[in-house]
Amino acid sequence: MPEIRPEIRTFLCRSDNIGVLMRDPETGACAAIDVPEATAVLRALDETGWRLTDILVTHRHGDHVEGIPEVKAKTNARVTAPARAGSAVPQVDATVREGDVVTVGSLAAAVWETPGHCDDHVTYWFEEAGVAFAGDTLFTLGCGRVLEGPPQVLWRSLSRFLPLPDETVIYSGHDYVLSNARFALAAEPENRNLKDRAALAETARAEGRFLVPTTLGEEKATNPFLRATAPALARAVGMEPGADPAAVFTALREWKNRF
């Protein structure tokens, strides 16, 4: 079980971005994971009464960073961003690369470079808390589009999650759960766990909820992009069981692009 339990608040930003605030109960330090929209983040801070001390940026895309200037002006939060993002992230105070450690109060995260969606993407893995902030690399029942580099790069990034404990809680940058579920069912229609999760996603949407966060165990059982070694997924893309997982992943990602 995690030794430190952060307080975490999730909320929608823009149309389908997921805003996340994480607070260290020991020190009161609080981080926003990306700032897709200033208004939504500031509203969540007001509702919780938390004081923002940090902004942890997963990647440079505008729908993850455009709210930073307004939020920083009102909170003076420290902005940490991937070094590879260069000047694309505004008002950066510190840059990070693979192997660096960032802290939010007493909470510490390893920085993973997880390219594929884009070259500068990073994931923040808070091991003691059992929490990973995966941005647009890993989604509930899905993964990010490959926008920079070959698909095999994203497969390598996703593969880094597989050895983590099944109870690892994963926060992603968007709520694409229903569309991801439809594709996953097309790729693996006989997966009973997947059918149950797809039904749960429908119920959650009807109730105004979303299935973010998720757990690694749930994703390993239902997310086709983490299941590229499964015989059923190889067959779904016309390959033999035991085919190269990177090739299966590539075929699945290309299918999803057209879906």
C-alpha atoms as a PDB file:
ATOM      1  CA  MET A   1       0.000   0.000   0.000  1.00  0.00           C
ATOM      2  CA  PRO A   2       1.211   3.567  -0.660  1.00  0.00           C
ATOM      3  CA  GLU A   3       3.064   5.094   2.302  1.00  0.00           C
ATOM      4  CA  ILE A   4       1.869   8.595   1.461  1.00  0.00           C
ATOM      5  CA  ARG A   5      -1.654   9.257   0.280  1.00  0.00           C
ATOM      6  CA  PRO A   6      -1.949  12.521  -1.616  1.00  0.00           C
ATOM      7  CA  GLU A   7      -5.274  14.282  -1.926  1.00  0.00           C
ATOM      8  CA  ILE A   8      -6.230  14.429  -5.609  1.00  0.00           C
ATOM      9  CA  ARG A   9      -9.003  16.336  -7.357  1.00  0.00           C
ATOM     10  CA  THR A  10      -9.966  15.735 -11.006  1.00  0.00           C
ATOM     11  CA  PHE A  11     -12.231  17.883 -13.174  1.00  0.00           C
ATOM     12  CA  LEU A  12     -12.974  18.525 -16.822  1.00  0.00           C
ATOM     13  CA  CYS A  13     -11.271  21.350 -18.695  1.00  0.00           C
ATOM     14  CA  ARG A  14     -12.094  22.632 -22.158  1.00  0.00           C
ATOM     15  CA  SER A  15     -14.216  19.872 -23.746  1.00  0.00           C
ATOM     16  CA  ASP A  16     -12.404  16.662 -22.838  1.00  0.00           C
ATOM     17  CA  ASN A  17      -9.136  17.536 -21.039  1.00  0.00           C
ATOM     18  CA  ILE A  18      -8.724  16.241 -17.513  1.00  0.00           C
ATOM     19  CA  GLY A  19      -7.546  18.766 -14.951  1.00  0.00           C
ATOM     20  CA  VAL A  20      -5.749  17.366 -11.917  1.00  0.00           C
ATOM     21  CA  LEU A  21      -4.719  18.894  -8.611  1.00  0.00           C
ATOM     22  CA  MET A  22      -2.589  16.884  -6.182  1.00  0.00           C
ATOM     23  CA  ARG A  23      -2.004  18.035  -2.608  1.00  0.00           C
ATOM     24  CA  ASP A  24       0.510  16.735  -0.093  1.00  0.00           C
ATOM     25  CA  PRO A  25      -1.403  16.541   3.207  1.00  0.00           C
ATOM     26  CA  GLU A  26       1.836  16.698   5.227  1.00  0.00           C
ATOM     27  CA  THR A  27       3.036  20.061   3.927  1.00  0.00           C
ATOM     28  CA  GLY A  28       0.091  21.564   2.064  1.00  0.00           C
ATOM     29  CA  ALA A  29       2.092  21.774  -1.162  1.00  0.00           C
ATOM     30  CA  CYS A  30      -0.147  21.385  -4.202  1.00  0.00           C
ATOM     31  CA  ALA A  31       0.559  20.719  -7.875  1.00  0.00           C
ATOM     32  CA  ALA A  32      -1.500  21.067 -11.015  1.00  0.00           C
ATOM     33  CA  ILE A  33      -0.695  18.485 -13.651  1.00  0.00           C
ATOM     34  CA  ASP A  34      -0.710  20.664 -16.779  1.00  0.00           C
ATOM     35  CA  VAL A  35      -3.011  23.687 -17.050  1.00  0.00           C
ATOM     36  CA  PRO A  36      -5.355  23.080 -19.980  1.00  0.00           C
ATOM     37  CA  GLU A  37      -7.611  25.966 -18.946  1.00  0.00           C
ATOM     38  CA  ALA A  38      -6.938  28.607 -16.317  1.00  0.00           C
ATOM     39  CA  THR A  39     -10.575  29.158 -15.324  1.00  0.00           C
ATOM     40  CA  ALA A  40     -11.209  25.510 -14.459  1.00  0.00           C
ATOM     41  CA  VAL A  41      -7.976  25.147 -12.480  1.00  0.00           C
ATOM     42  CA  LEU A  42      -8.556  28.348 -10.519  1.00  0.00           C
ATOM     43  CA  ARG A  43     -12.138  27.291  -9.803  1.00  0.00           C
ATOM     44  CA  ALA A  44     -10.940  23.926  -8.446  1.00  0.00           C
ATOM     45  CA  LEU A  45      -8.399  25.688  -6.242  1.00  0.00           C
ATOM     46  CA  ASP A  46     -11.128  27.962  -4.908  1.00  0.00           C
ATOM     47  CA  GLU A  47     -13.452  25.028  -4.228  1.00  0.00           C
ATOM     48  CA  THR A  48     -10.802  23.015  -2.390  1.00  0.00           C
ATOM     49  CA  GLY A  49      -9.101  25.902  -0.631  1.00  0.00           C
ATOM     50  CA  TRP A  50      -5.743  24.478  -1.695  1.00  0.00           C
ATOM     51  CA  ARG A  51      -2.767  26.771  -2.386  1.00  0.00           C
ATOM     52  CA  LEU A  52      -1.017  25.977  -5.660  1.00  0.00           C
ATOM     53  CA  THR A  53       2.758  25.706  -5.342  1.00  0.00           C
ATOM     54  CA  ASP A  54       3.703  23.752  -8.474  1.00  0.00           C
ATOM     55  CA  ILE A  55       2.708  23.118 -12.067  1.00  0.00           C
ATOM     56  CA  LEU A  56       4.039  19.884 -13.565  1.00  0.00           C
ATOM     57  CA  VAL A  57       3.885  19.903 -17.361  1.00  0.00           C
ATOM     58  CA  THR A  58       3.706  16.603 -19.241  1.00  0.00           C
ATOM     59  CA  HIS A  59       4.239  18.020 -22.744  1.00  0.00           C
ATOM     60  CA  ARG A  60       4.195  21.178 -24.794  1.00  0.00           C
ATOM     61  CA  HIS A  61       0.843  20.960 -26.636  1.00  0.00           C
ATOM     62  CA  GLY A  62      -1.325  24.042 -26.299  1.00  0.00           C
ATOM     63  CA  ASP A  63      -4.288  22.233 -24.754  1.00  0.00           C
ATOM     64  CA  HIS A  64      -2.034  21.342 -21.808  1.00  0.00           C
ATOM     65  CA  VAL A  65      -0.163  24.602 -21.265  1.00  0.00           C
ATOM     66  CA  GLU A  66      -2.252  27.522 -22.470  1.00  0.00           C
ATOM     67  CA  GLY A  67      -3.611  28.315 -18.998  1.00  0.00           C
ATOM     68  CA  ILE A  68      -0.183  28.548 -17.368  1.00  0.00           C
ATOM     69  CA  PRO A  69       0.398  32.334 -17.628  1.00  0.00           C
ATOM     70  CA  GLU A  70      -2.872  33.275 -15.913  1.00  0.00           C
ATOM     71  CA  VAL A  71      -2.573  30.619 -13.197  1.00  0.00           C
ATOM     72  CA  LYS A  72       1.065  31.450 -12.498  1.00  0.00           C
ATOM     73  CA  ALA A  73       0.233  35.159 -12.289  1.00  0.00           C
ATOM     74  CA  LYS A  74      -2.403  34.460  -9.649  1.00  0.00           C
ATOM     75  CA  THR A  75      -0.584  31.778  -7.641  1.00  0.00           C
ATOM     76  CA  ASN A  76       3.156  32.264  -8.299  1.00  0.00           C
ATOM     77  CA  ALA A  77       3.384  28.492  -8.739  1.00  0.00           C
ATOM     78  CA  ARG A  78       6.695  27.015  -9.874  1.00  0.00           C
ATOM     79  CA  VAL A  79       6.473  25.640 -13.438  1.00  0.00           C
ATOM     80  CA  THR A  80       8.383  22.449 -14.209  1.00  0.00           C
ATOM     81  CA  ALA A  81       8.441  21.276 -17.820  1.00  0.00           C
ATOM     82  CA  PRO A  82      10.259  18.794 -20.065  1.00  0.00           C
ATOM     83  CA  ALA A  83      13.622  20.078 -21.205  1.00  0.00           C
ATOM     84  CA  ARG A  84      12.875  18.829 -24.708  1.00  0.00           C
ATOM     85  CA  ALA A  85       9.864  21.153 -24.944  1.00  0.00           C
ATOM     86  CA  GLY A  86      12.211  24.111 -25.314  1.00  0.00           C
ATOM     87  CA  SER A  87      10.447  27.463 -25.386  1.00  0.00           C
ATOM     88  CA  ALA A  88       7.023  26.002 -26.240  1.00  0.00           C
ATOM     89  CA  VAL A  89       5.969  25.948 -22.565  1.00  0.00           C
ATOM     90  CA  PRO A  90       5.499  29.441 -21.117  1.00  0.00           C
ATOM     91  CA  GLN A  91       7.125  30.812 -17.960  1.00  0.00           C
ATOM     92  CA  VAL A  92       9.159  27.727 -17.072  1.00  0.00           C
ATOM     93  CA  ASP A  93      11.148  27.786 -13.827  1.00  0.00           C
ATOM     94  CA  ALA A  94      12.791  24.356 -14.054  1.00  0.00           C
ATOM     95  CA  THR A  95      13.279  21.720 -16.741  1.00  0.00           C
ATOM     96  CA  VAL A  96      13.493  17.960 -16.315  1.00  0.00           C
ATOM     97  CA  ARG A  97      14.803  14.962 -18.189  1.00  0.00           C
ATOM     98  CA  GLU A  98      14.813  11.190 -17.804  1.00  0.00           C
ATOM     99  CA  GLY A  99      15.987  10.173 -14.346  1.00  0.00           C
ATOM    100  CA  ASP A 100      15.323  13.498 -12.647  1.00  0.00           C
ATOM    101  CA  VAL A 101      13.232  13.682  -9.482  1.00  0.00           C
ATOM    102  CA  VAL A 102      10.618  16.340  -8.766  1.00  0.00           C
ATOM    103  CA  THR A 103       9.041  17.008  -5.393  1.00  0.00           C
ATOM    104  CA  VAL A 104       5.719  18.405  -4.295  1.00  0.00           C
ATOM    105  CA  GLY A 105       6.160  18.891  -0.596  1.00  0.00           C
ATOM    106  CA  SER A 106       7.110  15.474   0.765  1.00  0.00           C
ATOM    107  CA  LEU A 107       5.903  13.693  -2.389  1.00  0.00           C
ATOM    108  CA  ALA A 108       8.626  12.685  -4.849  1.00  0.00           C
ATOM    109  CA  ALA A 109       8.265  11.621  -8.480  1.00  0.00           C
ATOM    110  CA  ALA A 110      10.667  10.043 -10.919  1.00  0.00           C
ATOM    111  CA  VAL A 111      10.609  11.674 -14.334  1.00  0.00           C
ATOM    112  CA  TRP A 112      10.239   9.296 -17.255  1.00  0.00           C
ATOM    113  CA  GLU A 113      10.725  10.467 -20.802  1.00  0.00           C
ATOM    114  CA  THR A 114       7.794   8.814 -22.610  1.00  0.00           C
ATOM    115  CA  PRO A 115       7.920  10.019 -26.221  1.00  0.00           C
ATOM    116  CA  GLY A 116       5.676   8.877 -29.029  1.00  0.00           C
ATOM    117  CA  HIS A 117       2.717  11.202 -28.796  1.00  0.00           C
ATOM    118  CA  CYS A 118       5.348  13.928 -29.038  1.00  0.00           C
ATOM    119  CA  ASP A 119       9.103  13.955 -28.557  1.00  0.00           C
ATOM    120  CA  ASP A 120       9.131  15.976 -25.338  1.00  0.00           C
ATOM    121  CA  HIS A 121       6.477  14.029 -23.410  1.00  0.00           C
ATOM    122  CA  VAL A 122       7.247  12.997 -19.831  1.00  0.00           C
ATOM    123  CA  THR A 123       5.416  10.972 -17.186  1.00  0.00           C
ATOM    124  CA  TYR A 124       5.623  11.717 -13.452  1.00  0.00           C
ATOM    125  CA  TRP A 125       5.772   8.491 -11.401  1.00  0.00           C
ATOM    126  CA  PHE A 126       5.126   9.027  -7.677  1.00  0.00           C
ATOM    127  CA  GLU A 127       6.209   5.586  -6.540  1.00  0.00           C
ATOM    128  CA  GLU A 128       5.574   5.909  -2.802  1.00  0.00           C
ATOM    129  CA  ALA A 129       2.127   7.333  -3.479  1.00  0.00           C
ATOM    130  CA  GLY A 130       1.432   4.688  -6.138  1.00  0.00           C
ATOM    131  CA  VAL A 131       0.370   7.321  -8.677  1.00  0.00           C
ATOM    132  CA  ALA A 132       1.490   8.012 -12.261  1.00  0.00           C
ATOM    133  CA  PHE A 133       0.552  11.078 -14.283  1.00  0.00           C
ATOM    134  CA  ALA A 134       0.740   9.822 -17.857  1.00  0.00           C
ATOM    135  CA  GLY A 135      -0.534  12.832 -19.792  1.00  0.00           C
ATOM    136  CA  ASP A 136      -1.324  11.843 -23.377  1.00  0.00           C
ATOM    137  CA  THR A 137       0.836   8.704 -23.410  1.00  0.00           C
ATOM    138  CA  LEU A 138      -1.583   6.293 -21.719  1.00  0.00           C
ATOM    139  CA  PHE A 139      -5.346   6.808 -21.547  1.00  0.00           C
ATOM    140  CA  THR A 140      -8.085   4.772 -19.923  1.00  0.00           C
ATOM    141  CA  LEU A 141      -8.664   2.025 -22.535  1.00  0.00           C
ATOM    142  CA  GLY A 142      -6.396   3.778 -25.020  1.00  0.00           C
ATOM    143  CA  CYS A 143      -3.199   5.640 -25.808  1.00  0.00           C
ATOM    144  CA  GLY A 144      -2.195   8.871 -27.485  1.00  0.00           C
ATOM    145  CA  ARG A 145      -1.915   9.423 -31.201  1.00  0.00           C
ATOM    146  CA  VAL A 146       1.570   9.058 -32.615  1.00  0.00           C
ATOM    147  CA  LEU A 147       2.396  12.575 -33.756  1.00  0.00           C
ATOM    148  CA  GLU A 148       6.195  12.473 -33.719  1.00  0.00           C
ATOM    149  CA  GLY A 149       8.418   9.483 -34.415  1.00  0.00           C
ATOM    150  CA  PRO A 150       7.516   5.925 -35.406  1.00  0.00           C
ATOM    151  CA  PRO A 151       4.815   3.991 -33.493  1.00  0.00           C
ATOM    152  CA  GLN A 152       7.444   1.706 -31.989  1.00  0.00           C
ATOM    153  CA  VAL A 153       8.629   4.640 -29.885  1.00  0.00           C
ATOM    154  CA  LEU A 154       5.226   4.966 -28.248  1.00  0.00           C
ATOM    155  CA  TRP A 155       5.103   1.203 -27.705  1.00  0.00           C
ATOM    156  CA  ARG A 156       8.399   1.387 -25.814  1.00  0.00           C
ATOM    157  CA  SER A 157       7.015   4.207 -23.690  1.00  0.00           C
ATOM    158  CA  LEU A 158       3.834   2.274 -22.903  1.00  0.00           C
ATOM    159  CA  SER A 159       5.858  -0.836 -22.077  1.00  0.00           C
ATOM    160  CA  ARG A 160       7.500   1.028 -19.215  1.00  0.00           C
ATOM    161  CA  PHE A 161       4.202   0.982 -17.331  1.00  0.00           C
ATOM    162  CA  LEU A 162       3.749  -2.800 -17.518  1.00  0.00           C
ATOM    163  CA  PRO A 163       6.111  -3.762 -14.654  1.00  0.00           C
ATOM    164  CA  LEU A 164       4.490  -1.344 -12.202  1.00  0.00           C
ATOM    165  CA  PRO A 165       2.195  -2.759  -9.500  1.00  0.00           C
ATOM    166  CA  ASP A 166      -1.337  -3.497 -10.707  1.00  0.00           C
ATOM    167  CA  GLU A 167      -2.742  -1.119  -8.091  1.00  0.00           C
ATOM    168  CA  THR A 168      -0.846   1.828  -9.587  1.00  0.00           C
ATOM    169  CA  VAL A 169      -3.319   4.665 -10.147  1.00  0.00           C
ATOM    170  CA  ILE A 170      -2.962   6.288 -13.574  1.00  0.00           C
ATOM    171  CA  TYR A 171      -4.173   9.750 -14.459  1.00  0.00           C
ATOM    172  CA  SER A 172      -4.405  10.689 -18.126  1.00  0.00           C
ATOM    173  CA  GLY A 173      -4.784  13.994 -19.901  1.00  0.00           C
ATOM    174  CA  HIS A 174      -8.132  13.429 -21.653  1.00  0.00           C
ATOM    175  CA  ASP A 175     -11.476  11.714 -21.228  1.00  0.00           C
ATOM    176  CA  TYR A 176     -11.666   9.629 -24.411  1.00  0.00           C
ATOM    177  CA  VAL A 177     -13.067   6.631 -22.567  1.00  0.00           C
ATOM    178  CA  LEU A 178     -16.216   5.965 -24.607  1.00  0.00           C
ATOM    179  CA  SER A 179     -14.520   6.199 -28.010  1.00  0.00           C
ATOM    180  CA  ASN A 180     -11.625   4.118 -26.700  1.00  0.00           C
ATOM    181  CA  ALA A 181     -14.048   1.506 -25.391  1.00  0.00           C
ATOM    182  CA  ARG A 182     -15.759   1.212 -28.765  1.00  0.00           C
ATOM    183  CA  PHE A 183     -12.453   0.580 -30.491  1.00  0.00           C
ATOM    184  CA  ALA A 184     -11.270  -1.847 -27.825  1.00  0.00           C
ATOM    185  CA  LEU A 185     -14.458  -3.893 -28.226  1.00  0.00           C
ATOM    186  CA  ALA A 186     -13.975  -3.976 -31.996  1.00  0.00           C
ATOM    187  CA  ALA A 187     -10.454  -5.291 -31.508  1.00  0.00           C
ATOM    188  CA  GLU A 188     -11.240  -7.788 -28.723  1.00  0.00           C
ATOM    189  CA  PRO A 189     -14.998  -8.439 -28.635  1.00  0.00           C
ATOM    190  CA  GLU A 190     -14.788 -11.569 -26.463  1.00  0.00           C
ATOM    191  CA  ASN A 191     -12.955  -9.908 -23.579  1.00  0.00           C
ATOM    192  CA  ARG A 192     -15.422 -10.147 -20.688  1.00  0.00           C
ATOM    193  CA  ASN A 193     -13.506  -7.670 -18.513  1.00  0.00           C
ATOM    194  CA  LEU A 194     -13.576  -5.206 -21.365  1.00  0.00           C
ATOM    195  CA  LYS A 195     -17.329  -5.605 -21.856  1.00  0.00           C
ATOM    196  CA  ASP A 196     -17.858  -4.851 -18.172  1.00  0.00           C
ATOM    197  CA  ARG A 197     -15.647  -1.757 -18.283  1.00  0.00           C
ATOM    198  CA  ALA A 198     -17.337  -0.460 -21.420  1.00  0.00           C
ATOM    199  CA  ALA A 199     -20.700  -0.772 -19.681  1.00  0.00           C
ATOM    200  CA  LEU A 200     -19.293   0.999 -16.633  1.00  0.00           C
ATOM    201  CA  ALA A 201     -18.030   3.813 -18.872  1.00  0.00           C
ATOM    202  CA  GLU A 202     -21.502   4.276 -20.320  1.00  0.00           C
ATOM    203  CA  THR A 203     -23.024   4.406 -16.845  1.00  0.00           C
ATOM    204  CA  ALA A 204     -20.407   6.863 -15.646  1.00  0.00           C
ATOM    205  CA  ARG A 205     -21.034   9.185 -18.579  1.00  0.00           C
ATOM    206  CA  ALA A 206     -24.782   9.097 -17.952  1.00  0.00           C
ATOM    207  CA  GLU A 207     -24.113  10.084 -14.337  1.00  0.00           C
ATOM    208  CA  GLY A 208     -21.727  12.897 -15.296  1.00  0.00           C
ATOM    209  CA  ARG A 209     -18.592  11.002 -14.237  1.00  0.00           C
ATOM    210  CA  PHE A 210     -15.552   9.716 -16.142  1.00  0.00           C
ATOM    211  CA  LEU A 211     -13.243   6.737 -15.696  1.00  0.00           C
ATOM    212  CA  VAL A 212     -10.137   8.754 -14.928  1.00  0.00           C
ATOM    213  CA  PRO A 213      -8.157   7.730 -13.007  1.00  0.00           C
ATOM    214  CA  THR A 214      -7.771   4.085 -13.812  1.00  0.00           C
ATOM    215  CA  THR A 215      -5.450   1.406 -12.467  1.00  0.00           C
ATOM    216  CA  LEU A 216      -2.692  -0.416 -14.259  1.00  0.00           C
ATOM    217  CA  GLY A 217      -4.329  -3.748 -13.466  1.00  0.00           C
ATOM    218  CA  GLU A 218      -7.549  -2.652 -15.139  1.00  0.00           C
ATOM    219  CA  GLU A 219      -5.650  -1.409 -18.179  1.00  0.00           C
ATOM    220  CA  LYS A 220      -3.589  -4.582 -18.522  1.00  0.00           C
ATOM    221  CA  ALA A 221      -6.843  -6.542 -18.599  1.00  0.00           C
ATOM    222  CA  THR A 222      -8.742  -4.323 -21.039  1.00  0.00           C
ATOM    223  CA  ASN A 223      -6.614  -1.773 -22.901  1.00  0.00           C
ATOM    224  CA  PRO A 224      -5.674  -3.185 -26.343  1.00  0.00           C
ATOM    225  CA  PHE A 225      -2.588  -0.980 -26.557  1.00  0.00           C
ATOM    226  CA  LEU A 226      -1.128  -2.602 -23.436  1.00  0.00           C
ATOM    227  CA  ARG A 227      -2.208  -6.064 -24.625  1.00  0.00           C
ATOM    228  CA  ALA A 228      -0.134  -6.309 -27.785  1.00  0.00           C
ATOM    229  CA  THR A 229       1.232  -9.664 -26.585  1.00  0.00           C
ATOM    230  CA  ALA A 230      -2.272 -11.182 -26.349  1.00  0.00           C
ATOM    231  CA  PRO A 231      -3.035 -13.759 -29.084  1.00  0.00           C
ATOM    232  CA  ALA A 232      -6.514 -12.297 -29.631  1.00  0.00           C
ATOM    233  CA  LEU A 233      -5.062  -8.887 -30.467  1.00  0.00           C
ATOM    234  CA  ALA A 234      -2.519 -10.355 -32.875  1.00  0.00           C
ATOM    235  CA  ARG A 235      -5.320 -12.201 -34.663  1.00  0.00           C
ATOM    236  CA  ALA A 236      -7.424  -9.043 -34.736  1.00  0.00           C
ATOM    237  CA  VAL A 237      -4.812  -7.328 -36.922  1.00  0.00           C
ATOM    238  CA  GLY A 238      -4.184 -10.376 -39.106  1.00  0.00           C
ATOM    239  CA  MET A 239      -1.026 -11.609 -37.399  1.00  0.00           C
ATOM    240  CA  GLU A 240      -0.131 -14.931 -35.835  1.00  0.00           C
ATOM    241  CA  PRO A 241      -0.114 -15.295 -32.043  1.00  0.00           C
ATOM    242  CA  GLY A 242       3.394 -14.579 -30.810  1.00  0.00           C
ATOM    243  CA  ALA A 243       3.959 -11.845 -33.386  1.00  0.00           C
ATOM    244  CA  ASP A 244       6.267  -8.976 -32.461  1.00  0.00           C
ATOM    245  CA  PRO A 245       4.291  -6.879 -29.939  1.00  0.00           C
ATOM    246  CA  ALA A 246       5.615  -3.651 -31.461  1.00  0.00           C
ATOM    247  CA  ALA A 247       4.225  -4.717 -34.845  1.00  0.00           C
ATOM    248  CA  VAL A 248       0.866  -5.644 -33.297  1.00  0.00           C
ATOM    249  CA  PHE A 249       0.765  -2.313 -31.482  1.00  0.00           C
ATOM    250  CA  THR A 250       1.584  -0.439 -34.685  1.00  0.00           C
ATOM    251  CA  ALA A 251      -1.242  -2.177 -36.544  1.00  0.00           C
ATOM    252  CA  LEU A 252      -3.677  -1.466 -33.701  1.00  0.00           C
ATOM    253  CA  ARG A 253      -2.698   2.195 -33.568  1.00  0.00           C
ATOM    254  CA  GLU A 254      -3.112   2.567 -37.341  1.00  0.00           C
ATOM    255  CA  TRP A 255      -6.523   0.867 -37.121  1.00  0.00           C
ATOM    256  CA  LYS A 256      -7.590   3.218 -34.334  1.00  0.00           C
ATOM    257  CA  ASN A 257      -6.529   6.201 -36.462  1.00  0.00           C
ATOM    258  CA  ARG A 258      -9.073   5.129 -39.084  1.00  0.00           C
ATOM    259  CA  PHE A 259     -11.768   3.956 -36.647  1.00  0.00           C
END
